[in-house]
Protein backbone atom coordinates (compact mmCIF):
# COMPACT_ATOMS: atom_id res chain seq x y z
CA ASP A 1 5.41 -30.74 9.71
CA TYR A 2 9.09 -31.26 10.53
CA VAL A 3 9.20 -34.66 8.79
CA THR A 4 8.20 -33.74 5.26
CA TYR A 5 8.31 -29.93 5.61
CA GLY A 6 5.04 -29.71 3.73
CA LYS A 7 6.27 -31.61 0.68
CA ASN A 8 3.28 -33.96 0.80
CA PHE A 9 0.80 -31.14 1.31
CA ARG A 10 -1.73 -30.35 -1.39
CA PHE A 11 -4.28 -27.54 -1.45
CA ASN A 12 -7.86 -28.28 -2.43
CA ASP A 13 -8.19 -26.00 -5.44
CA GLU A 14 -11.68 -24.70 -4.81
CA LYS A 15 -13.59 -22.08 -6.78
CA GLY A 16 -16.38 -19.81 -5.59
CA ILE A 17 -18.97 -18.06 -7.73
CA TYR A 18 -20.56 -14.79 -6.63
CA ARG A 19 -23.69 -13.45 -8.33
CA HIS A 20 -25.22 -10.07 -7.61
CA SER A 21 -27.75 -7.80 -9.29
CA PHE A 22 -27.32 -4.03 -9.22
CA ASN A 23 -28.71 -0.90 -10.80
CA VAL A 24 -26.73 1.82 -12.55
CA PRO A 25 -28.55 5.19 -12.32
CA GLY A 26 -29.63 6.65 -15.64
CA ALA A 27 -28.00 9.92 -14.57
CA TRP A 28 -24.61 8.20 -14.85
CA LYS A 29 -24.90 7.82 -18.60
CA GLY A 30 -22.09 9.64 -20.38
CA GLN A 31 -19.64 8.94 -17.54
CA LYS A 32 -16.95 6.28 -17.23
CA ILE A 33 -18.14 3.42 -15.00
CA LEU A 34 -15.64 1.30 -13.10
CA ILE A 35 -16.05 -1.70 -10.84
CA VAL A 36 -13.45 -1.76 -8.06
CA PHE A 37 -12.23 -4.72 -6.00
CA GLU A 38 -10.22 -3.92 -2.87
CA GLY A 39 -9.08 -7.52 -2.37
CA SER A 40 -9.96 -10.96 -3.72
CA MET A 41 -8.17 -14.24 -3.01
CA THR A 42 -6.82 -15.30 -5.50
CA ASP A 43 -7.51 -15.44 -9.29
CA THR A 44 -10.58 -13.33 -10.02
CA GLU A 45 -12.65 -13.46 -13.21
CA VAL A 46 -15.34 -10.78 -13.57
CA LYS A 47 -18.35 -10.77 -15.90
CA ILE A 48 -20.94 -8.02 -16.33
CA ASN A 49 -24.19 -9.07 -17.99
CA GLY A 50 -22.44 -12.19 -19.23
CA LYS A 51 -19.52 -10.30 -20.81
CA SER A 52 -15.94 -10.47 -19.57
CA ALA A 53 -14.86 -7.29 -17.78
CA GLY A 54 -11.20 -7.93 -18.63
CA ALA A 55 -8.25 -10.19 -17.91
CA VAL A 56 -8.32 -12.45 -14.84
CA HIS A 57 -6.70 -10.62 -11.93
CA GLN A 58 -3.98 -12.54 -10.08
CA GLY A 59 -2.90 -11.44 -6.59
CA SER A 60 -4.97 -11.30 -3.40
CA PHE A 61 -4.10 -8.17 -1.46
CA TYR A 62 -4.30 -5.43 -4.07
CA ARG A 63 -6.91 -3.03 -5.40
CA PHE A 64 -7.88 -3.58 -9.03
CA LYS A 65 -10.61 -2.24 -11.27
CA TYR A 66 -12.27 -2.71 -14.64
CA ASP A 67 -13.82 -0.21 -17.03
CA ILE A 68 -17.34 -1.59 -17.57
CA THR A 69 -18.89 1.45 -19.27
CA ASP A 70 -19.75 -0.47 -22.45
CA LYS A 71 -21.14 -3.47 -20.54
CA VAL A 72 -23.68 -1.91 -18.18
CA GLN A 73 -27.28 -0.93 -18.85
CA PHE A 74 -28.12 2.50 -17.48
CA GLY A 75 -31.34 2.81 -15.53
CA LYS A 76 -31.78 -0.96 -15.58
CA GLU A 77 -30.82 -4.02 -13.60
CA ASN A 78 -27.36 -5.45 -14.28
CA ASN A 79 -25.86 -8.80 -13.37
CA LEU A 80 -22.43 -9.30 -11.85
CA GLU A 81 -20.78 -12.71 -11.81
CA VAL A 82 -17.38 -13.23 -10.21
CA THR A 83 -15.50 -16.52 -10.20
CA VAL A 84 -12.69 -16.68 -7.64
CA SER A 85 -10.12 -19.50 -7.56
CA LYS A 86 -8.26 -20.08 -4.31
CA MET A 87 -5.18 -21.26 -6.19
CA SER A 88 -3.69 -19.08 -8.89
CA ALA A 89 -2.93 -20.32 -12.38
CA ASP A 90 0.44 -18.58 -11.87
CA ALA A 91 2.70 -20.73 -9.68
CA SER A 92 4.69 -17.71 -8.49
CA VAL A 93 1.53 -16.12 -7.07
CA ASN A 94 0.84 -19.27 -5.06
CA ASN A 95 4.46 -19.36 -3.89
CA ALA A 96 4.40 -15.70 -2.82
CA GLU A 97 0.98 -15.64 -1.15
CA ARG A 98 -0.35 -19.08 -0.29
CA LEU A 99 2.64 -21.26 0.68
CA ALA A 100 3.05 -19.25 3.85
CA ASP A 101 2.83 -19.62 7.61
CA TYR A 102 -0.27 -17.50 8.04
CA TRP A 103 -3.97 -18.08 7.54
CA ILE A 104 -4.95 -18.35 3.91
CA LEU A 105 -8.56 -18.59 2.82
CA GLY A 106 -10.28 -17.82 -0.46
CA GLY A 107 -12.80 -15.47 -1.99
CA ILE A 108 -13.69 -11.79 -1.97
CA PHE A 109 -12.68 -10.39 1.42
CA ARG A 110 -12.58 -6.62 0.91
CA PRO A 111 -15.20 -4.21 -0.47
CA VAL A 112 -16.45 -4.18 -4.07
CA TYR A 113 -18.06 -1.01 -5.42
CA LEU A 114 -18.79 1.09 -8.49
CA GLU A 115 -17.13 4.37 -9.44
CA ALA A 116 -18.57 6.89 -11.90
CA VAL A 117 -16.24 9.59 -13.23
CA PRO A 118 -16.42 12.06 -16.12
CA THR A 119 -14.70 10.88 -19.29
CA SER A 120 -12.15 13.66 -18.68
CA HIS A 121 -10.83 13.24 -15.15
CA ILE A 122 -7.88 12.87 -12.81
CA ASP A 123 -7.10 9.18 -12.48
CA TRP A 124 -4.65 9.38 -9.54
CA THR A 125 -2.01 11.60 -7.99
CA ALA A 126 1.40 11.13 -6.36
CA ILE A 127 2.63 13.63 -3.75
CA ASP A 128 6.10 14.46 -2.47
CA ALA A 129 5.84 16.96 0.41
CA LYS A 130 9.06 17.73 2.28
CA ALA A 131 9.77 19.16 5.73
CA ASP A 132 10.99 22.43 4.15
CA GLY A 133 7.46 23.07 2.85
CA SER A 134 8.18 22.12 -0.76
CA PHE A 135 5.35 20.24 -2.47
CA LYS A 136 5.43 18.39 -5.77
CA SER A 137 2.66 16.31 -7.26
CA ASN A 138 2.33 14.21 -10.38
CA ILE A 139 -1.22 14.40 -11.70
CA TYR A 140 -2.28 11.49 -13.90
CA LEU A 141 -5.06 12.39 -16.32
CA GLU A 142 -7.44 10.46 -18.54
CA GLY A 143 -9.63 11.45 -21.49
CA ILE A 144 -8.45 15.05 -21.89
CA THR A 145 -9.91 16.13 -25.23
CA GLU A 146 -9.52 19.91 -25.01
CA PRO A 147 -7.15 22.37 -23.31
CA GLY A 148 -7.73 23.19 -19.67
CA GLU A 149 -5.96 23.51 -16.35
CA VAL A 150 -5.59 21.85 -12.98
CA VAL A 151 -5.74 24.02 -9.86
CA VAL A 152 -4.10 22.59 -6.74
CA ASP A 153 -4.98 24.10 -3.35
CA VAL A 154 -3.27 22.90 -0.18
CA LYS A 155 -5.49 23.34 2.87
CA ASP A 156 -4.80 22.98 6.58
CA LYS A 157 -7.09 21.37 9.15
CA GLN A 158 -9.08 24.60 9.42
CA ASN A 159 -9.75 24.32 5.66
CA LYS A 160 -7.62 27.41 5.02
CA ILE A 161 -5.65 27.54 1.77
CA ILE A 162 -1.95 27.81 2.64
CA ALA A 163 -0.54 27.38 -0.88
CA SER A 164 -1.87 27.13 -4.41
CA ALA A 165 -0.66 26.49 -7.96
CA THR A 166 -2.12 26.06 -11.43
CA VAL A 167 -0.81 23.99 -14.33
CA LYS A 168 -2.03 24.12 -17.92
CA VAL A 169 -3.22 20.89 -19.53
CA GLY A 170 -3.26 20.21 -23.25
CA ALA A 171 -5.54 17.86 -25.17
CA GLY A 172 -4.26 14.30 -24.99
CA GLU A 173 -1.90 14.90 -22.06
CA THR A 174 -1.78 12.13 -19.47
CA VAL A 175 0.54 13.46 -16.76
CA LYS A 176 1.42 16.90 -15.42
CA GLN A 177 3.58 17.94 -12.48
CA VAL A 178 2.83 20.85 -10.19
CA SER A 179 5.14 22.44 -7.62
CA LEU A 180 4.43 24.89 -4.82
CA SER A 181 5.74 25.87 -1.41
CA ALA A 182 4.08 26.18 1.98
CA LYS A 183 5.58 28.45 4.61
CA ASN A 184 6.46 26.79 7.93
CA PRO A 185 4.06 23.85 7.68
CA ALA A 186 3.31 21.74 10.75
CA LEU A 187 5.32 18.58 10.13
CA TRP A 188 4.21 14.96 10.17
CA THR A 189 5.86 12.46 12.52
CA ALA A 190 4.49 9.55 14.53
CA GLU A 191 4.41 11.90 17.55
CA THR A 192 2.97 14.89 15.65
CA PRO A 193 0.74 13.48 12.89
CA ASN A 194 -0.14 16.79 11.26
CA LEU A 195 -2.16 16.36 8.09
CA TYR A 196 -3.02 18.60 5.16
CA THR A 197 -5.33 18.13 2.20
CA ALA A 198 -4.50 18.72 -1.46
CA HIS A 199 -7.55 19.75 -3.50
CA TYR A 200 -7.26 19.08 -7.23
CA THR A 201 -9.69 20.80 -9.60
CA LEU A 202 -9.71 20.06 -13.33
CA LYS A 203 -11.18 22.94 -15.34
CA THR A 204 -12.06 23.60 -18.95
CA GLY A 205 -12.40 27.35 -19.16
CA SER A 206 -14.48 28.38 -16.17
CA LYS A 207 -16.21 24.98 -15.99
CA VAL A 208 -15.15 22.51 -13.31
CA THR A 209 -14.84 19.12 -15.00
CA TYR A 210 -13.63 17.05 -12.07
CA SER A 211 -12.32 17.45 -8.52
CA THR A 212 -10.65 15.17 -6.00
CA THR A 213 -8.71 15.41 -2.72
CA GLU A 214 -5.73 13.68 -1.13
CA SER A 215 -4.65 13.76 2.51
CA PHE A 216 -0.89 14.03 3.08
CA GLY A 217 1.79 15.24 5.46
CA PHE A 218 4.95 17.29 5.16
CA ARG A 219 7.94 15.14 6.16
CA THR A 220 11.39 14.19 4.90
CA ILE A 221 12.76 10.65 5.12
CA GLU A 222 16.52 10.07 4.94
CA VAL A 223 18.65 6.95 5.13
CA ARG A 224 22.08 8.04 6.37
CA GLN A 225 24.42 5.20 5.55
CA GLY A 226 25.98 3.56 8.57
CA ASP A 227 24.05 5.88 10.87
CA GLY A 228 20.29 5.53 10.84
CA ILE A 229 16.91 6.52 9.47
CA TYR A 230 15.96 10.17 9.91
CA VAL A 231 12.54 11.81 9.78
CA ASN A 232 12.66 15.60 9.43
CA GLY A 233 16.32 15.59 10.38
CA VAL A 234 15.77 13.63 13.60
CA LYS A 235 17.11 10.10 13.99
CA VAL A 236 14.25 7.67 14.58
CA LYS A 237 14.38 4.33 16.36
CA MET A 238 11.44 2.29 15.17
CA LYS A 239 9.94 0.28 18.01
CA GLY A 240 7.15 -1.73 16.49
CA ILE A 241 5.36 -4.92 15.69
CA ASN A 242 4.37 -7.13 12.77
CA ARG A 243 0.64 -7.06 12.09
CA HIS A 244 -1.55 -9.47 10.14
CA VAL A 245 -4.91 -8.35 8.78
CA TRP A 246 -6.99 -10.85 10.69
CA TRP A 247 -9.80 -11.10 13.24
CA PRO A 248 -10.98 -14.26 15.05
CA GLU A 249 -14.66 -13.88 14.22
CA THR A 250 -14.35 -12.58 10.65
CA GLY A 251 -11.04 -13.92 9.33
CA ARG A 252 -9.54 -11.67 6.68
CA THR A 253 -12.68 -9.54 6.39
CA ILE A 254 -12.30 -6.77 8.92
CA ASN A 255 -13.73 -3.28 9.37
CA ASN A 256 -12.76 0.25 10.37
CA LYS A 257 -13.47 -0.39 14.03
CA ILE A 258 -10.97 -3.27 14.11
CA ASP A 259 -8.37 -1.22 12.22
CA LEU A 260 -8.74 1.64 14.70
CA ALA A 261 -8.53 -0.71 17.69
CA ASP A 262 -5.29 -2.19 16.36
CA VAL A 263 -3.66 1.21 15.86
CA GLN A 264 -4.74 2.30 19.35
CA LEU A 265 -3.41 -0.96 20.82
CA ILE A 266 -0.02 -0.54 19.13
CA LYS A 267 0.30 3.07 20.26
CA GLY A 268 -0.94 2.11 23.72
CA MET A 269 2.05 -0.23 24.02
CA ASN A 270 4.32 2.78 23.45
CA MET A 271 5.24 1.59 19.96
CA ASN A 272 5.75 3.93 17.04
CA ALA A 273 5.92 1.57 14.05
CA VAL A 274 4.15 -1.31 12.34
CA ARG A 275 5.22 -3.69 9.60
CA CYS A 276 2.39 -4.82 7.31
CA SER A 277 3.31 -8.47 7.31
CA HIS A 278 3.26 -9.93 4.78
CA TYR A 279 1.10 -7.96 2.36
CA PRO A 280 -0.48 -4.50 2.12
CA PRO A 281 -3.34 -3.89 4.57
CA ASP A 282 -6.78 -2.51 3.86
CA LYS A 283 -6.70 1.23 3.24
CA ALA A 284 -8.58 2.25 6.39
CA PHE A 285 -5.72 0.98 8.55
CA LEU A 286 -3.32 3.32 6.77
CA HIS A 287 -5.66 6.28 7.29
CA TYR A 288 -5.58 5.64 11.05
CA CYS A 289 -1.79 5.34 10.97
CA ASP A 290 -1.72 8.73 9.21
CA SER A 291 -4.06 10.48 11.63
CA LEU A 292 -2.94 8.90 14.92
CA GLY A 293 0.74 8.54 14.08
CA LEU A 294 2.54 5.28 13.29
CA TYR A 295 5.52 4.68 11.00
CA VAL A 296 4.54 2.01 8.47
CA LEU A 297 6.55 -0.53 6.49
CA ASP A 298 4.21 -1.41 3.61
CA GLU A 299 5.07 -4.84 2.23
CA LEU A 300 4.58 -6.61 -1.08
CA ALA A 301 3.56 -10.22 -0.53
CA GLY A 302 6.32 -12.78 -0.95
CA TRP A 303 6.65 -15.21 1.92
CA GLN A 304 10.08 -16.80 1.31
CA LYS A 305 9.36 -17.03 -2.42
CA ALA A 306 8.82 -14.11 -4.77
CA TYR A 307 6.37 -13.22 -7.47
CA SER A 308 7.74 -13.64 -10.97
CA THR A 309 8.54 -10.33 -12.64
CA GLN A 310 5.53 -10.71 -14.94
CA ALA A 311 3.14 -11.35 -12.03
CA GLY A 312 4.75 -8.97 -9.55
CA ARG A 313 5.19 -5.89 -11.71
CA PRO A 314 1.45 -5.01 -11.95
CA LEU A 315 1.00 -5.75 -8.23
CA VAL A 316 3.75 -3.31 -7.22
CA LYS A 317 1.99 -0.71 -9.37
CA GLU A 318 -1.39 -1.43 -7.77
CA MET A 319 0.05 -1.25 -4.25
CA VAL A 320 2.04 1.94 -4.71
CA ILE A 321 -0.66 3.81 -6.65
CA ARG A 322 -3.11 3.07 -3.84
CA ASP A 323 -0.76 3.84 -0.95
CA CYS A 324 1.84 6.37 -2.10
CA ASN A 325 0.28 9.48 -0.52
CA HIS A 326 0.08 8.10 3.03
CA PRO A 327 2.64 10.01 5.13
CA SER A 328 2.74 7.15 7.62
CA ILE A 329 4.42 4.89 5.07
CA ILE A 330 8.13 5.58 5.27
CA ILE A 331 9.48 2.35 3.75
CA TRP A 332 8.44 -0.15 1.07
CA SER A 333 9.31 -3.79 1.82
CA ASN A 334 9.89 -5.89 -1.29
CA GLY A 335 8.83 -9.28 0.07
CA ASN A 336 9.72 -11.38 3.09
CA GLU A 337 12.58 -13.78 3.90
CA GLY A 338 13.85 -14.56 0.41
CA GLY A 339 10.63 -13.55 -1.34
CA HIS A 340 12.45 -10.65 -2.97
CA ASN A 341 12.37 -10.24 -6.74
CA PHE A 342 15.30 -7.92 -7.41
CA ASP A 343 13.79 -6.97 -10.77
CA LEU A 344 11.02 -5.15 -8.87
CA ASP A 345 13.21 -3.04 -6.55
CA ASP A 346 13.24 -0.02 -8.86
CA ASP A 347 9.55 -0.28 -9.79
CA TYR A 348 8.39 1.38 -6.56
CA ALA A 349 9.92 4.74 -7.51
CA LYS A 350 8.13 4.66 -10.88
CA TYR A 351 4.89 5.47 -9.02
CA ASP A 352 6.16 6.90 -5.72
CA LEU A 353 7.23 10.48 -6.41
CA SER A 354 8.88 10.70 -2.98
CA ALA A 355 11.07 7.65 -3.76
CA ARG A 356 10.85 6.07 -0.31
CA PRO A 357 13.55 3.56 0.68
CA VAL A 358 13.00 -0.07 -0.34
CA ILE A 359 14.12 -2.88 1.99
CA HIS A 360 14.47 -6.66 1.83
CA ALA A 361 13.08 -8.14 5.05
CA HIS A 362 15.32 -11.20 4.86
CA HIS A 363 16.28 -14.02 7.20
CA LYS A 364 19.76 -15.06 6.14
CA PRO A 365 23.05 -13.26 6.87
CA GLY A 366 24.75 -11.33 4.10
CA ASN A 367 21.61 -9.97 2.49
CA ALA A 368 21.75 -6.31 3.47
CA PHE A 369 20.18 -4.15 0.79
CA ARG A 370 21.03 -0.53 0.05
CA GLY A 371 22.70 -0.09 3.41
CA ILE A 372 19.91 -1.57 5.56
CA ASP A 373 20.23 -5.05 7.09
CA CYS A 374 16.91 -6.54 8.24
CA ASN A 375 18.17 -10.02 9.14
CA HIS A 376 15.70 -11.95 11.29
CA TYR A 377 16.21 -13.92 14.51
CA GLU A 378 19.82 -13.18 15.32
CA ASP A 379 20.93 -13.97 18.87
CA TYR A 380 22.23 -11.31 21.24
CA TYR A 381 25.88 -11.70 20.30
CA SER A 382 25.39 -11.86 16.52
CA THR A 383 23.11 -8.83 16.82
CA LYS A 384 25.93 -6.96 18.54
CA LYS A 385 28.31 -7.91 15.73
CA ILE A 386 25.95 -6.71 13.00
CA LEU A 387 25.41 -3.42 14.81
CA GLU A 388 29.17 -2.89 14.81
CA GLY A 389 29.26 -3.29 11.02
CA GLU A 390 28.81 -0.80 8.20
CA ASN A 391 25.07 -1.21 7.69
CA ILE A 392 22.04 0.09 9.54
CA TYR A 393 20.62 -2.93 11.37
CA MET A 394 16.84 -2.90 11.53
CA PRO A 395 15.56 -6.44 12.19
CA THR A 396 12.00 -6.68 10.91
CA GLU A 397 11.38 -9.83 12.99
CA PHE A 398 13.10 -11.11 16.15
CA LEU A 399 12.46 -13.02 19.38
CA HIS A 400 9.50 -15.11 18.21
CA ALA A 401 8.17 -17.92 20.42
CA GLN A 402 8.39 -20.79 17.91
CA ASP A 403 10.86 -23.60 18.70
CA ASP A 404 11.88 -21.97 21.99
CA GLY A 405 12.73 -18.77 20.15
CA GLY A 406 12.47 -16.66 23.29
CA GLY A 407 9.02 -15.18 22.92
CA GLY A 408 10.28 -11.77 23.97
CA THR A 409 12.70 -12.97 26.64
CA SER A 410 15.53 -10.46 27.11
CA LEU A 411 13.70 -7.90 24.99
CA ALA A 412 15.09 -5.10 27.15
CA ASP A 413 18.65 -6.31 26.50
CA TYR A 414 18.07 -6.40 22.74
CA TRP A 415 16.49 -2.97 22.82
CA GLU A 416 19.44 -1.49 24.70
CA LEU A 417 21.77 -2.94 22.07
CA HIS A 418 19.88 -1.22 19.28
CA TRP A 419 19.54 2.03 21.17
């Protein structure tokens, strides 16, 4: 709409109600029961047996969960009721997610499931594994009521332990850090996607209380100012594409087969990178990027307008906690084309132990951030000028087909400029 530019547009603020009955096994009694939502568009209110599970969740593309231990009936039928509003009560959420030039729908579009964990357990972990074989991990604990320990074993693809460490845990402690070193590990790159598994075992005496695993890769990411982005000491030129989570027959609800096909298609085009535009993808896609080898720019939603700090801060946490151990992710993108809340730039490193670079994928000159300029849709000659400047120039969009934008015309010339 080039007359009003959408100023006369109004969304129909619809709501959907989901009702479902489910059983919680009697054997789960004594454990902590969580209900997990992988993605729901947009404001989501959850009730279990008529009781509120917690505050309304705002934000579509992020995993969130509720502790429903005191609301379920063990060994009996339980009732779930979820009310989802297309439009958020928070205007900044609508601005960041829904006033955008991509398909927006409404409702639950990713899996919903139950988790049962011991009251004393490992909630989540953050890994920093470098190319020199050094390994650090923050271990976030819940419900520790007596002294114990966490054993961390790093295993290769043959399930052989290549390094191990143990850290003592005191009653009431919520986070511990463990460090170890692996000798000459096979490194992760997009061309050599070597993966390892960290096995975490929480013990009280000789009793195993809880165990969990995380897949990861050994690799080092460096931003060398005015030079380029290096992975394991090798300068990398990212040749990639922007990808929306979308399928013609199923809309935003996709599956592992589609995720795999997309990764294979991207690699089949001799690309090595993908930008998750303009929101984090479903987790299966990232697993395929890890195992098959693609560099990933994982992006917080924010299409030309940003989340408020109050709305965005919990969403950064949800995104990074879910995604931080994927070796394929080498950069966090804090919004798109002006949708950058500067107050959130330092929040990523609060949860990402490896402190990946954060970029602003912007579309106006003069907005380079921390030595990386991502300016969109420059012409050939302005591109050449930016490349001659002090910043790394990594356009996260260029040569689109809208308004005679080129549609890939002269791509080889642009590529030669960047190379």
